[in-house]
Amino acid sequence: MPPTDESFPNIPVQLGTDDRLLPPVLDPHNILRYLFHHGHFHHSGEDNLIIAEATWSDVEDLDLEHADVVDAVRSWQSMRPTLKTDGFFGPLSQARAHAETGHRCGLPDILPRSTGASRWPDECKHELTTSHTILEIQIAAPPGKSIDDAWQLAIQQWNYAADLTLDLVTSQTPARIRANARRLGRNILAWSELPSDTCSQVLDQAYNQNIKWSWHLLWSTICHELGHAIGIGHGGRGIMQPAHDPQVRELDAWDLRQVRSRYGEGSPEPPPPEEGEVAVHHATLELFTKEGLSMARFDIVPSKAT
């Protein structure tokens, strides 16, 4: 579902080296409210989708050193690998503050589980059409590249990763996943609805028209929101972490495990590289020497035209 509240401040919560909460920057009630909004008091599975929900009445009177609060803070910090410069439990730093004021997905860190399985059924997993009407967003793209090219690059990551087929169609064609541009919160990039194991549903997505999009920011955000649209929550250190990391350029092991658990293995070939990167192919050379057969593995890297 779309986010219902984008008014929460960026709250740098921290743990001390002895696993106790250090003095918070904001008052305890706001910290509890922030962690609750992002789902960190709920019980979730390995896929970071909620198994059992907590209620606000369970949380609102907790002391900040309560074990449930400490666990919620750990959960929050574990989804922010950009804080690694000072450790998840280290002192507050500029790196941590910057990470929490950066761009992120508009959905909570821990997402509600759908009424059915958070996936598309086998009958339609190869018919996952997606369309967009976001032509009015500001994008700094490489020469000759368009929003459609960014969409195709994002689609290819998932199509190669698992046994499913996402396909970009024109905005005039009915699609199962439909994206548009809207005014969202200042740091919110986009959001997407998740599937619930039925072929009849149509999912909405929204992209922030106030963001100045770089090429990498756009295609990686599309890839992230398509991950939600095929049933994956937030997690890992790759595309599906809730906050944008400019160093991430591919699906990580957590992303692959989640999509393959829903749809099965995909292509053994890697997806095409991002613009500006070079595809590396591997080969094995067999040599016969006096000692017998010797094998060597090397990389073939295309040279740029001069």
Foldseek 3Di string as FASTA:
>chain_A
DFQDDPPQDLWLWAAAPVLFTDDTPDDPQSVQVLLLQLPLLADDDPLLAGDGHDDCVVGRPDDCRDPSNSSSLLVVLQLQCQVPVQDSHGDDDPSSVVQSVAAFARHRQRHYQAPAHQAEDPVCQAPQEEEEDAQLAAEDEDPPDDLVNLLVLLQLQLQQLFPGHYHYDYPVDDGQEYEYEDADDPRHAKAKATDHHYPPHHIYIYGYRVDNHYSQNSSLVSNQRVLRHRRGGADDDESRRGGDDSVHFHDDPSSSVVSCVHGNGGHPDHGDGDPPDWDKDKDKDWDQDPVGIDIDIDIDTDDDDD
